[in-house]
């Protein structure tokens, strides 16, 4: 029973992480003083032309201080990374077969790596160290993509885990792969406003898709945990 309590708590962190990121980034957008790469004079956050990481800048593009938005963004993305790590620490406990355990351990490794990368992104504003910030972004997205592949495979192998969760990750993996291709090979944001639009919109699509799919997976983990707990209670009562 004690094991089930901490499992439930850890999976609830996965749910909490999605809601706090969604709400606090919206707050940071409202507070952001304004400005984009090509239009530093803008006086508000432009959803189509600003990156999420613009919220974490210490100064806006025209040199205005951005400390409040920066602090909120740093906190919420750090918390998201920690929640992701906690979730993936607990996840392997739901899988029972030997083959699925190997796959989910690999998935959890990449999931934990993604969480670490998100913490790195949060704490390295891109106006202070663009190279390191981009390195964390690339590693974070690629790790998350690898996680979805192994997580989906583990679900398909585990006979008692509903396949709809693997299908959801499969759809998201396609979206994430396209975004990674755009991020690496697409038009450069600093070269034109059109390039900025493509990169910023692609990022928004993948981030909000990631929020939805992780919420779905965390709620699914809680359902699977409850089902396993109920089955164990029935077995113990019958014994």
C-alpha atoms as a PDB file:
ATOM      1  CA  UNK A   1       0.000   0.000   0.000  1.00  0.00           C
ATOM      2  CA  UNK A   2       2.837   2.403   0.792  1.00  0.00           C
ATOM      3  CA  UNK A   3       4.300   1.729  -2.650  1.00  0.00           C
ATOM      4  CA  UNK A   4       0.983   2.606  -4.292  1.00  0.00           C
ATOM      5  CA  UNK A   5       0.819   5.877  -2.343  1.00  0.00           C
ATOM      6  CA  UNK A   6       4.175   7.165  -3.581  1.00  0.00           C
ATOM      7  CA  UNK A   7       3.451   5.881  -7.097  1.00  0.00           C
ATOM      8  CA  UNK A   8       0.203   7.852  -7.141  1.00  0.00           C
ATOM      9  CA  UNK A   9       1.951  10.947  -5.798  1.00  0.00           C
ATOM     10  CA  UNK A  10       4.707  10.745  -8.411  1.00  0.00           C
ATOM     11  CA  UNK A  11       2.205  10.384 -11.261  1.00  0.00           C
ATOM     12  CA  UNK A  12       0.221  13.306  -9.865  1.00  0.00           C
ATOM     13  CA  UNK A  13       3.393  15.378 -10.219  1.00  0.00           C
ATOM     14  CA  UNK A  14       3.134  14.630 -13.938  1.00  0.00           C
ATOM     15  CA  UNK A  15      -0.374  16.110 -14.001  1.00  0.00           C
ATOM     16  CA  UNK A  16       0.659  19.098 -11.890  1.00  0.00           C
ATOM     17  CA  UNK A  17       3.625  19.845 -14.141  1.00  0.00           C
ATOM     18  CA  UNK A  18       1.438  20.318 -17.205  1.00  0.00           C
ATOM     19  CA  UNK A  19      -1.087  22.622 -15.526  1.00  0.00           C
ATOM     20  CA  UNK A  20       1.464  24.836 -13.804  1.00  0.00           C
ATOM     21  CA  UNK A  21       3.458  25.294 -17.034  1.00  0.00           C
ATOM     22  CA  UNK A  22       0.372  26.199 -19.033  1.00  0.00           C
ATOM     23  CA  UNK A  23      -0.918  28.711 -16.474  1.00  0.00           C
ATOM     24  CA  UNK A  24       2.414  30.339 -15.580  1.00  0.00           C
ATOM     25  CA  UNK A  25       3.599  30.746 -19.174  1.00  0.00           C
ATOM     26  CA  UNK A  26       0.319  32.508 -19.978  1.00  0.00           C
ATOM     27  CA  UNK A  27       0.973  34.803 -17.009  1.00  0.00           C
ATOM     28  CA  UNK A  28       4.532  35.434 -18.209  1.00  0.00           C
ATOM     29  CA  UNK A  29       3.218  36.279 -21.685  1.00  0.00           C
ATOM     30  CA  UNK A  30       0.881  38.876 -20.205  1.00  0.00           C
ATOM     31  CA  UNK A  31       3.730  40.407 -18.187  1.00  0.00           C
ATOM     32  CA  UNK A  32       6.370  40.310 -20.959  1.00  0.00           C
ATOM     33  CA  UNK A  33       7.235  43.930 -21.888  1.00  0.00           C
ATOM     34  CA  UNK A  34       7.270  43.156 -25.609  1.00  0.00           C
ATOM     35  CA  UNK A  35       9.521  42.938 -28.629  1.00  0.00           C
ATOM     36  CA  UNK A  36      10.611  40.304 -31.161  1.00  0.00           C
ATOM     37  CA  UNK A  37      13.843  39.644 -33.026  1.00  0.00           C
ATOM     38  CA  UNK A  38      12.800  41.832 -35.955  1.00  0.00           C
ATOM     39  CA  UNK A  39      10.506  44.238 -34.128  1.00  0.00           C
ATOM     40  CA  UNK A  40      12.031  45.181 -30.754  1.00  0.00           C
ATOM     41  CA  UNK A  41       9.602  48.106 -30.497  1.00  0.00           C
ATOM     42  CA  UNK A  42       6.541  45.875 -29.959  1.00  0.00           C
ATOM     43  CA  UNK A  43       4.961  46.496 -26.558  1.00  0.00           C
ATOM     44  CA  UNK A  44       3.525  43.070 -25.831  1.00  0.00           C
ATOM     45  CA  UNK A  45       4.179  39.360 -26.321  1.00  0.00           C
ATOM     46  CA  UNK A  46       3.384  38.333 -29.906  1.00  0.00           C
ATOM     47  CA  UNK A  47       2.102  34.743 -29.812  1.00  0.00           C
ATOM     48  CA  UNK A  48       3.104  34.097 -33.429  1.00  0.00           C
ATOM     49  CA  UNK A  49       6.484  35.824 -33.459  1.00  0.00           C
ATOM     50  CA  UNK A  50       7.885  35.290 -29.955  1.00  0.00           C
ATOM     51  CA  UNK A  51       9.472  32.069 -28.730  1.00  0.00           C
ATOM     52  CA  UNK A  52       8.679  30.625 -25.324  1.00  0.00           C
ATOM     53  CA  UNK A  53      12.329  31.264 -24.495  1.00  0.00           C
ATOM     54  CA  UNK A  54      11.820  34.997 -25.085  1.00  0.00           C
ATOM     55  CA  UNK A  55       9.910  34.930 -21.781  1.00  0.00           C
ATOM     56  CA  UNK A  56      13.105  33.808 -20.062  1.00  0.00           C
ATOM     57  CA  UNK A  57      15.311  36.595 -21.408  1.00  0.00           C
ATOM     58  CA  UNK A  58      16.738  38.886 -18.757  1.00  0.00           C
ATOM     59  CA  UNK A  59      16.303  41.836 -21.124  1.00  0.00           C
ATOM     60  CA  UNK A  60      13.983  42.320 -24.092  1.00  0.00           C
ATOM     61  CA  UNK A  61      15.222  43.031 -27.609  1.00  0.00           C
ATOM     62  CA  UNK A  62      15.220  46.801 -27.054  1.00  0.00           C
ATOM     63  CA  UNK A  63      17.196  46.468 -23.817  1.00  0.00           C
ATOM     64  CA  UNK A  64      14.276  46.799 -21.397  1.00  0.00           C
ATOM     65  CA  UNK A  65      14.524  44.708 -18.200  1.00  0.00           C
ATOM     66  CA  UNK A  66      12.420  41.556 -18.212  1.00  0.00           C
ATOM     67  CA  UNK A  67      13.020  40.252 -14.720  1.00  0.00           C
ATOM     68  CA  UNK A  68       9.473  39.342 -13.684  1.00  0.00           C
ATOM     69  CA  UNK A  69       8.701  37.353 -16.824  1.00  0.00           C
ATOM     70  CA  UNK A  70      12.188  35.842 -16.633  1.00  0.00           C
ATOM     71  CA  UNK A  71      11.665  34.664 -13.050  1.00  0.00           C
ATOM     72  CA  UNK A  72       8.238  33.177 -13.788  1.00  0.00           C
ATOM     73  CA  UNK A  73       9.514  31.360 -16.878  1.00  0.00           C
ATOM     74  CA  UNK A  74      12.588  30.043 -15.056  1.00  0.00           C
ATOM     75  CA  UNK A  75      10.472  28.727 -12.198  1.00  0.00           C
ATOM     76  CA  UNK A  76       7.758  27.112 -14.317  1.00  0.00           C
ATOM     77  CA  UNK A  77      10.135  25.366 -16.745  1.00  0.00           C
ATOM     78  CA  UNK A  78      12.348  24.198 -13.879  1.00  0.00           C
ATOM     79  CA  UNK A  79       9.300  22.795 -12.076  1.00  0.00           C
ATOM     80  CA  UNK A  80       8.202  21.123 -15.328  1.00  0.00           C
ATOM     81  CA  UNK A  81      11.608  19.468 -15.636  1.00  0.00           C
ATOM     82  CA  UNK A  82      11.523  18.258 -12.025  1.00  0.00           C
ATOM     83  CA  UNK A  83       7.969  16.915 -12.431  1.00  0.00           C
ATOM     84  CA  UNK A  84       9.016  15.090 -15.596  1.00  0.00           C
ATOM     85  CA  UNK A  85      11.942  13.478 -13.784  1.00  0.00           C
ATOM     86  CA  UNK A  86       9.719  12.409 -10.875  1.00  0.00           C
ATOM     87  CA  UNK A  87       7.136  10.950 -13.258  1.00  0.00           C
ATOM     88  CA  UNK A  88       9.714   8.862 -15.118  1.00  0.00           C
ATOM     89  CA  UNK A  89      11.291   7.611 -11.905  1.00  0.00           C
ATOM     90  CA  UNK A  90       7.954   5.991 -11.015  1.00  0.00           C
ATOM     91  CA  UNK A  91       6.849   4.904 -14.478  1.00  0.00           C
ATOM     92  CA  UNK A  92       8.811   1.610 -14.749  1.00  0.00           C
ATOM     93  CA  UNK A  93       6.947   0.248 -11.702  1.00  0.00           C
ATOM     94  CA  UNK A  94       3.757  -0.097 -13.788  1.00  0.00           C
ATOM     95  CA  UNK A  95       5.288  -2.532 -16.278  1.00  0.00           C
ATOM     96  CA  UNK A  96       5.483  -6.222 -15.417  1.00  0.00           C
ATOM     97  CA  UNK A  97       6.835  -8.259 -18.345  1.00  0.00           C
ATOM     98  CA  UNK A  98      10.594  -8.546 -18.806  1.00  0.00           C
ATOM     99  CA  UNK A  99      10.579  -7.203 -22.365  1.00  0.00           C
ATOM    100  CA  UNK A 100       8.425  -4.186 -21.520  1.00  0.00           C
ATOM    101  CA  UNK A 101      10.551  -3.437 -18.447  1.00  0.00           C
ATOM    102  CA  UNK A 102      13.673  -3.106 -20.602  1.00  0.00           C
ATOM    103  CA  UNK A 103      11.879  -0.791 -23.030  1.00  0.00           C
ATOM    104  CA  UNK A 104      10.341   1.384 -20.315  1.00  0.00           C
ATOM    105  CA  UNK A 105      13.671   1.702 -18.504  1.00  0.00           C
ATOM    106  CA  UNK A 106      15.179   3.073 -21.725  1.00  0.00           C
ATOM    107  CA  UNK A 107      12.162   5.352 -22.156  1.00  0.00           C
ATOM    108  CA  UNK A 108      12.504   6.578 -18.579  1.00  0.00           C
ATOM    109  CA  UNK A 109      16.194   7.299 -19.106  1.00  0.00           C
ATOM    110  CA  UNK A 110      15.387   9.557 -22.051  1.00  0.00           C
ATOM    111  CA  UNK A 111      12.441  11.051 -20.155  1.00  0.00           C
ATOM    112  CA  UNK A 112      14.693  11.962 -17.238  1.00  0.00           C
ATOM    113  CA  UNK A 113      17.230  13.395 -19.691  1.00  0.00           C
ATOM    114  CA  UNK A 114      14.476  15.560 -21.169  1.00  0.00           C
ATOM    115  CA  UNK A 115      13.614  16.831 -17.694  1.00  0.00           C
ATOM    116  CA  UNK A 116      17.257  17.721 -17.053  1.00  0.00           C
ATOM    117  CA  UNK A 117      17.434  19.523 -20.409  1.00  0.00           C
ATOM    118  CA  UNK A 118      14.301  21.538 -19.626  1.00  0.00           C
ATOM    119  CA  UNK A 119      15.902  22.658 -16.377  1.00  0.00           C
ATOM    120  CA  UNK A 120      18.973  23.625 -18.410  1.00  0.00           C
ATOM    121  CA  UNK A 121      16.844  25.628 -20.866  1.00  0.00           C
ATOM    122  CA  UNK A 122      15.134  27.410 -17.990  1.00  0.00           C
ATOM    123  CA  UNK A 123      18.344  28.465 -16.308  1.00  0.00           C
ATOM    124  CA  UNK A 124      20.338  29.572 -19.363  1.00  0.00           C
ATOM    125  CA  UNK A 125      18.566  32.616 -20.892  1.00  0.00           C
ATOM    126  CA  UNK A 126      19.298  32.729 -24.591  1.00  0.00           C
ATOM    127  CA  UNK A 127      20.332  36.382 -24.513  1.00  0.00           C
ATOM    128  CA  UNK A 128      23.157  35.414 -22.137  1.00  0.00           C
ATOM    129  CA  UNK A 129      24.438  32.194 -23.768  1.00  0.00           C
ATOM    130  CA  UNK A 130      22.754  31.376 -27.074  1.00  0.00           C
ATOM    131  CA  UNK A 131      24.947  28.372 -27.852  1.00  0.00           C
ATOM    132  CA  UNK A 132      24.361  26.595 -24.550  1.00  0.00           C
ATOM    133  CA  UNK A 133      20.665  27.450 -24.598  1.00  0.00           C
ATOM    134  CA  UNK A 134      20.271  25.947 -28.086  1.00  0.00           C
ATOM    135  CA  UNK A 135      22.245  22.885 -27.002  1.00  0.00           C
ATOM    136  CA  UNK A 136      19.771  22.231 -24.167  1.00  0.00           C
ATOM    137  CA  UNK A 137      16.832  22.765 -26.558  1.00  0.00           C
ATOM    138  CA  UNK A 138      18.140  20.312 -29.173  1.00  0.00           C
ATOM    139  CA  UNK A 139      19.025  17.681 -26.587  1.00  0.00           C
ATOM    140  CA  UNK A 140      15.682  18.128 -24.812  1.00  0.00           C
ATOM    141  CA  UNK A 141      13.550  17.661 -27.912  1.00  0.00           C
ATOM    142  CA  UNK A 142      15.582  14.746 -29.276  1.00  0.00           C
ATOM    143  CA  UNK A 143      15.540  13.000 -25.878  1.00  0.00           C
ATOM    144  CA  UNK A 144      11.780  13.489 -25.680  1.00  0.00           C
ATOM    145  CA  UNK A 145      11.338  11.999 -29.156  1.00  0.00           C
ATOM    146  CA  UNK A 146      13.386   8.925 -28.225  1.00  0.00           C
ATOM    147  CA  UNK A 147      11.375   8.619 -25.025  1.00  0.00           C
ATOM    148  CA  UNK A 148       8.076   8.560 -26.939  1.00  0.00           C
ATOM    149  CA  UNK A 149       9.352   5.783 -29.216  1.00  0.00           C
ATOM    150  CA  UNK A 150      10.472   3.482 -26.407  1.00  0.00           C
ATOM    151  CA  UNK A 151       7.472   4.377 -24.208  1.00  0.00           C
ATOM    152  CA  UNK A 152       5.099   3.439 -27.063  1.00  0.00           C
ATOM    153  CA  UNK A 153       6.952   0.180 -27.691  1.00  0.00           C
ATOM    154  CA  UNK A 154       6.764  -0.724 -23.983  1.00  0.00           C
ATOM    155  CA  UNK A 155       3.005  -0.106 -23.942  1.00  0.00           C
ATOM    156  CA  UNK A 156       2.480  -2.281 -27.027  1.00  0.00           C
ATOM    157  CA  UNK A 157       4.461  -5.113 -25.422  1.00  0.00           C
ATOM    158  CA  UNK A 158       2.724  -4.813 -22.021  1.00  0.00           C
ATOM    159  CA  UNK A 159      -0.580  -6.642 -22.581  1.00  0.00           C
ATOM    160  CA  UNK A 160      -2.448  -4.968 -19.712  1.00  0.00           C
ATOM    161  CA  UNK A 161      -1.513  -1.389 -20.702  1.00  0.00           C
ATOM    162  CA  UNK A 162      -4.144   0.194 -23.032  1.00  0.00           C
ATOM    163  CA  UNK A 163      -2.771   0.720 -26.539  1.00  0.00           C
ATOM    164  CA  UNK A 164      -4.482   4.104 -26.888  1.00  0.00           C
ATOM    165  CA  UNK A 165      -1.605   5.625 -24.927  1.00  0.00           C
ATOM    166  CA  UNK A 166       0.900   4.261 -27.455  1.00  0.00           C
ATOM    167  CA  UNK A 167      -1.221   5.637 -30.310  1.00  0.00           C
ATOM    168  CA  UNK A 168      -1.283   9.084 -28.685  1.00  0.00           C
ATOM    169  CA  UNK A 169       2.497   9.064 -28.406  1.00  0.00           C
ATOM    170  CA  UNK A 170       2.785   7.858 -31.984  1.00  0.00           C
ATOM    171  CA  UNK A 171       0.838  10.872 -33.242  1.00  0.00           C
ATOM    172  CA  UNK A 172       2.869  13.215 -31.062  1.00  0.00           C
ATOM    173  CA  UNK A 173       6.151  11.647 -32.206  1.00  0.00           C
ATOM    174  CA  UNK A 174       5.302  12.618 -35.791  1.00  0.00           C
ATOM    175  CA  UNK A 175       4.551  16.210 -34.723  1.00  0.00           C
ATOM    176  CA  UNK A 176       7.768  16.388 -32.695  1.00  0.00           C
ATOM    177  CA  UNK A 177       9.874  14.913 -35.509  1.00  0.00           C
ATOM    178  CA  UNK A 178       8.546  17.504 -37.957  1.00  0.00           C
ATOM    179  CA  UNK A 179       9.307  20.272 -35.466  1.00  0.00           C
ATOM    180  CA  UNK A 180      12.872  19.013 -34.966  1.00  0.00           C
ATOM    181  CA  UNK A 181      13.411  18.992 -38.746  1.00  0.00           C
ATOM    182  CA  UNK A 182      12.059  22.558 -38.976  1.00  0.00           C
ATOM    183  CA  UNK A 183      14.175  23.638 -36.008  1.00  0.00           C
ATOM    184  CA  UNK A 184      17.395  22.263 -37.530  1.00  0.00           C
ATOM    185  CA  UNK A 185      16.838  22.645 -41.279  1.00  0.00           C
ATOM    186  CA  UNK A 186      14.044  25.214 -41.552  1.00  0.00           C
ATOM    187  CA  UNK A 187      14.425  28.927 -42.331  1.00  0.00           C
ATOM    188  CA  UNK A 188      16.476  30.825 -39.776  1.00  0.00           C
ATOM    189  CA  UNK A 189      14.435  33.091 -37.536  1.00  0.00           C
ATOM    190  CA  UNK A 190      17.044  35.853 -37.477  1.00  0.00           C
ATOM    191  CA  UNK A 191      17.107  36.152 -41.275  1.00  0.00           C
ATOM    192  CA  UNK A 192      13.477  37.089 -41.917  1.00  0.00           C
ATOM    193  CA  UNK A 193      10.158  37.660 -40.213  1.00  0.00           C
ATOM    194  CA  UNK A 194       8.726  34.726 -42.187  1.00  0.00           C
ATOM    195  CA  UNK A 195      11.430  32.448 -40.840  1.00  0.00           C
ATOM    196  CA  UNK A 196      10.673  33.642 -37.327  1.00  0.00           C
ATOM    197  CA  UNK A 197       6.959  32.973 -37.864  1.00  0.00           C
ATOM    198  CA  UNK A 198       7.600  29.405 -39.050  1.00  0.00           C
ATOM    199  CA  UNK A 199       9.977  28.586 -36.190  1.00  0.00           C
ATOM    200  CA  UNK A 200       7.872  30.219 -33.434  1.00  0.00           C
ATOM    201  CA  UNK A 201       4.592  28.649 -34.603  1.00  0.00           C
ATOM    202  CA  UNK A 202       6.194  25.212 -34.969  1.00  0.00           C
ATOM    203  CA  UNK A 203       7.495  25.538 -31.411  1.00  0.00           C
ATOM    204  CA  UNK A 204       4.064  26.538 -30.087  1.00  0.00           C
ATOM    205  CA  UNK A 205       2.404  23.570 -31.798  1.00  0.00           C
ATOM    206  CA  UNK A 206       4.861  21.048 -30.396  1.00  0.00           C
ATOM    207  CA  UNK A 207       4.931  22.500 -26.865  1.00  0.00           C
ATOM    208  CA  UNK A 208       1.152  22.588 -26.498  1.00  0.00           C
ATOM    209  CA  UNK A 209       0.908  19.124 -28.056  1.00  0.00           C
ATOM    210  CA  UNK A 210       3.482  17.920 -25.537  1.00  0.00           C
ATOM    211  CA  UNK A 211       1.456  19.371 -22.672  1.00  0.00           C
ATOM    212  CA  UNK A 212      -1.665  17.541 -23.857  1.00  0.00           C
ATOM    213  CA  UNK A 213       0.050  14.223 -24.491  1.00  0.00           C
ATOM    214  CA  UNK A 214       1.881  14.244 -21.137  1.00  0.00           C
ATOM    215  CA  UNK A 215      -1.333  15.097 -19.310  1.00  0.00           C
ATOM    216  CA  UNK A 216      -2.971  12.184 -21.126  1.00  0.00           C
ATOM    217  CA  UNK A 217      -0.084   9.853 -20.215  1.00  0.00           C
ATOM    218  CA  UNK A 218       0.003  10.945 -16.555  1.00  0.00           C
ATOM    219  CA  UNK A 219      -3.748  10.440 -16.160  1.00  0.00           C
ATOM    220  CA  UNK A 220      -3.357   7.109 -17.931  1.00  0.00           C
ATOM    221  CA  UNK A 221      -0.630   6.038 -15.510  1.00  0.00           C
ATOM    222  CA  UNK A 222      -2.930   6.871 -12.605  1.00  0.00           C
ATOM    223  CA  UNK A 223      -5.716   4.759 -14.159  1.00  0.00           C
ATOM    224  CA  UNK A 224      -3.389   1.819 -14.747  1.00  0.00           C
ATOM    225  CA  UNK A 225      -2.109   2.106 -11.173  1.00  0.00           C
ATOM    226  CA  UNK A 226      -5.666   2.047  -9.826  1.00  0.00           C
ATOM    227  CA  UNK A 227      -6.517  -0.981 -11.951  1.00  0.00           C
ATOM    228  CA  UNK A 228      -3.433  -2.840 -10.735  1.00  0.00           C
ATOM    229  CA  UNK A 229      -4.277  -1.904  -7.149  1.00  0.00           C
ATOM    230  CA  UNK A 230      -7.866  -3.129  -7.507  1.00  0.00           C
ATOM    231  CA  UNK A 231      -6.695  -6.410  -9.060  1.00  0.00           C
ATOM    232  CA  UNK A 232      -4.183  -6.909  -6.256  1.00  0.00           C
ATOM    233  CA  UNK A 233      -6.873  -6.330  -3.607  1.00  0.00           C
ATOM    234  CA  UNK A 234      -9.165  -8.864  -5.298  1.00  0.00           C
ATOM    235  CA  UNK A 235      -6.332 -11.389  -5.419  1.00  0.00           C
ATOM    236  CA  UNK A 236      -5.475 -10.837  -1.750  1.00  0.00           C
ATOM    237  CA  UNK A 237      -9.140 -11.129  -0.695  1.00  0.00           C
ATOM    238  CA  UNK A 238      -9.557 -14.351  -2.670  1.00  0.00           C
ATOM    239  CA  UNK A 239      -6.426 -15.766  -1.104  1.00  0.00           C
END
